[in-house]
Amino acid sequence: MLDTLKAALMEEKQMEMALRASETLLEFDPEDPYEIRDRGLIYAHLDCNHVALSDLNYFVEQCPEDPISEVIKVQIHAIEHKQVTLH
């Protein structure tokens, strides 16, 4: 049920609330690579790139045979090459 709520929040671009849902789900299974992937995608939307990269790389390392790993690798590449703007 919390998974469904998180997905709906992500679709509605309510990323802070989706992050809270993801963190709650990770309390039940802290090493779930799919939930860590989702949290990484949320962090990427929030421009928390360092943490996003950590989570997304974890997913690729844990699930190299998952077809979505190739998509996540593209996301990682995009984040790594994103220009950082300092204010």
C-alpha atoms as a PDB file:
ATOM      1  CA  MET A   1       0.000   0.000   0.000  1.00  0.00           C
ATOM      2  CA  LEU A   2       2.801   2.407   0.872  1.00  0.00           C
ATOM      3  CA  ASP A   3       4.418   1.454  -2.445  1.00  0.00           C
ATOM      4  CA  THR A   4       1.309   2.608  -4.286  1.00  0.00           C
ATOM      5  CA  LEU A   5       1.237   5.873  -2.337  1.00  0.00           C
ATOM      6  CA  LYS A   6       4.909   6.496  -3.124  1.00  0.00           C
ATOM      7  CA  ALA A   7       4.334   5.858  -6.830  1.00  0.00           C
ATOM      8  CA  ALA A   8       1.354   8.234  -6.873  1.00  0.00           C
ATOM      9  CA  LEU A   9       3.354  10.927  -5.086  1.00  0.00           C
ATOM     10  CA  MET A  10       6.203  10.542  -7.571  1.00  0.00           C
ATOM     11  CA  GLU A  11       3.796  10.822 -10.478  1.00  0.00           C
ATOM     12  CA  GLU A  12       2.311  13.975  -8.939  1.00  0.00           C
ATOM     13  CA  LYS A  13       5.865  15.363  -8.503  1.00  0.00           C
ATOM     14  CA  GLN A  14       5.459  15.556  -4.721  1.00  0.00           C
ATOM     15  CA  MET A  15       9.017  14.372  -4.240  1.00  0.00           C
ATOM     16  CA  GLU A  16       9.524  15.342  -0.602  1.00  0.00           C
ATOM     17  CA  MET A  17       6.518  13.263   0.428  1.00  0.00           C
ATOM     18  CA  ALA A  18       7.578  10.422  -1.892  1.00  0.00           C
ATOM     19  CA  LEU A  19      10.988  10.485  -0.213  1.00  0.00           C
ATOM     20  CA  ARG A  20       9.346  10.088   3.197  1.00  0.00           C
ATOM     21  CA  ALA A  21       7.374   7.103   1.918  1.00  0.00           C
ATOM     22  CA  SER A  22      10.526   5.564   0.449  1.00  0.00           C
ATOM     23  CA  GLU A  23      12.445   6.047   3.698  1.00  0.00           C
ATOM     24  CA  THR A  24       9.611   4.358   5.598  1.00  0.00           C
ATOM     25  CA  LEU A  25       9.656   1.398   3.200  1.00  0.00           C
ATOM     26  CA  LEU A  26      13.422   1.104   3.643  1.00  0.00           C
ATOM     27  CA  GLU A  27      12.950   0.800   7.404  1.00  0.00           C
ATOM     28  CA  PHE A  28      11.313  -2.587   6.719  1.00  0.00           C
ATOM     29  CA  ASP A  29      14.008  -3.761   4.272  1.00  0.00           C
ATOM     30  CA  PRO A  30      17.056  -1.445   4.356  1.00  0.00           C
ATOM     31  CA  GLU A  31      18.933  -3.273   1.591  1.00  0.00           C
ATOM     32  CA  ASP A  32      16.097  -3.578  -0.951  1.00  0.00           C
ATOM     33  CA  PRO A  33      17.833  -2.563  -4.199  1.00  0.00           C
ATOM     34  CA  TYR A  34      14.558  -1.636  -5.906  1.00  0.00           C
ATOM     35  CA  GLU A  35      13.525   0.702  -3.123  1.00  0.00           C
ATOM     36  CA  ILE A  36      17.025   2.171  -2.999  1.00  0.00           C
ATOM     37  CA  ARG A  37      16.758   2.727  -6.772  1.00  0.00           C
ATOM     38  CA  ASP A  38      13.457   4.534  -6.317  1.00  0.00           C
ATOM     39  CA  ARG A  39      14.941   6.669  -3.541  1.00  0.00           C
ATOM     40  CA  GLY A  40      17.853   7.496  -5.852  1.00  0.00           C
ATOM     41  CA  LEU A  41      15.453   8.608  -8.572  1.00  0.00           C
ATOM     42  CA  ILE A  42      13.628  10.789  -6.048  1.00  0.00           C
ATOM     43  CA  TYR A  43      16.925  12.313  -4.902  1.00  0.00           C
ATOM     44  CA  ALA A  44      17.809  13.000  -8.543  1.00  0.00           C
ATOM     45  CA  HIS A  45      14.538  14.915  -8.977  1.00  0.00           C
ATOM     46  CA  LEU A  46      15.399  16.895  -5.852  1.00  0.00           C
ATOM     47  CA  ASP A  47      18.874  17.676  -7.288  1.00  0.00           C
ATOM     48  CA  CYS A  48      20.565  15.813  -4.433  1.00  0.00           C
ATOM     49  CA  ASN A  49      22.946  14.340  -6.957  1.00  0.00           C
ATOM     50  CA  HIS A  50      25.607  12.906  -4.640  1.00  0.00           C
ATOM     51  CA  VAL A  51      23.084  10.763  -2.731  1.00  0.00           C
ATOM     52  CA  ALA A  52      21.206   9.932  -5.931  1.00  0.00           C
ATOM     53  CA  LEU A  53      24.393   8.572  -7.499  1.00  0.00           C
ATOM     54  CA  SER A  54      25.120   6.462  -4.449  1.00  0.00           C
ATOM     55  CA  ASP A  55      21.654   4.890  -4.501  1.00  0.00           C
ATOM     56  CA  LEU A  56      21.544   4.380  -8.263  1.00  0.00           C
ATOM     57  CA  ASN A  57      25.020   2.821  -8.343  1.00  0.00           C
ATOM     58  CA  TYR A  58      23.967   0.488  -5.526  1.00  0.00           C
ATOM     59  CA  PHE A  59      21.050  -0.715  -7.641  1.00  0.00           C
ATOM     60  CA  VAL A  60      23.255  -1.355 -10.687  1.00  0.00           C
ATOM     61  CA  GLU A  61      25.769  -3.257  -8.534  1.00  0.00           C
ATOM     62  CA  GLN A  62      23.079  -5.374  -6.858  1.00  0.00           C
ATOM     63  CA  CYS A  63      20.940  -6.027  -9.945  1.00  0.00           C
ATOM     64  CA  PRO A  64      23.265  -6.025 -12.977  1.00  0.00           C
ATOM     65  CA  GLU A  65      21.038  -8.481 -14.873  1.00  0.00           C
ATOM     66  CA  ASP A  66      17.871  -6.413 -14.415  1.00  0.00           C
ATOM     67  CA  PRO A  67      16.978  -4.812 -17.771  1.00  0.00           C
ATOM     68  CA  ILE A  68      16.264  -1.488 -16.039  1.00  0.00           C
ATOM     69  CA  SER A  69      19.949  -1.338 -15.027  1.00  0.00           C
ATOM     70  CA  GLU A  70      20.809  -0.039 -18.502  1.00  0.00           C
ATOM     71  CA  VAL A  71      18.319   2.816 -18.103  1.00  0.00           C
ATOM     72  CA  ILE A  72      19.701   3.580 -14.645  1.00  0.00           C
ATOM     73  CA  LYS A  73      23.246   3.673 -16.074  1.00  0.00           C
ATOM     74  CA  VAL A  74      22.088   6.352 -18.524  1.00  0.00           C
ATOM     75  CA  GLN A  75      20.575   8.292 -15.612  1.00  0.00           C
ATOM     76  CA  ILE A  76      23.851   7.972 -13.671  1.00  0.00           C
ATOM     77  CA  HIS A  77      25.796   9.251 -16.686  1.00  0.00           C
ATOM     78  CA  ALA A  78      23.446  12.230 -17.032  1.00  0.00           C
ATOM     79  CA  ILE A  79      23.785  13.122 -13.346  1.00  0.00           C
ATOM     80  CA  GLU A  80      27.583  12.813 -13.451  1.00  0.00           C
ATOM     81  CA  HIS A  81      27.776  15.189 -16.395  1.00  0.00           C
ATOM     82  CA  LYS A  82      25.258  17.695 -15.104  1.00  0.00           C
ATOM     83  CA  GLN A  83      26.754  21.141 -14.755  1.00  0.00           C
ATOM     84  CA  VAL A  84      26.878  22.325 -11.165  1.00  0.00           C
ATOM     85  CA  THR A  85      25.756  25.893 -10.623  1.00  0.00           C
ATOM     86  CA  LEU A  86      27.066  27.612  -7.530  1.00  0.00           C
ATOM     87  CA  HIS A  87      25.136  30.539  -6.106  1.00  0.00           C
END
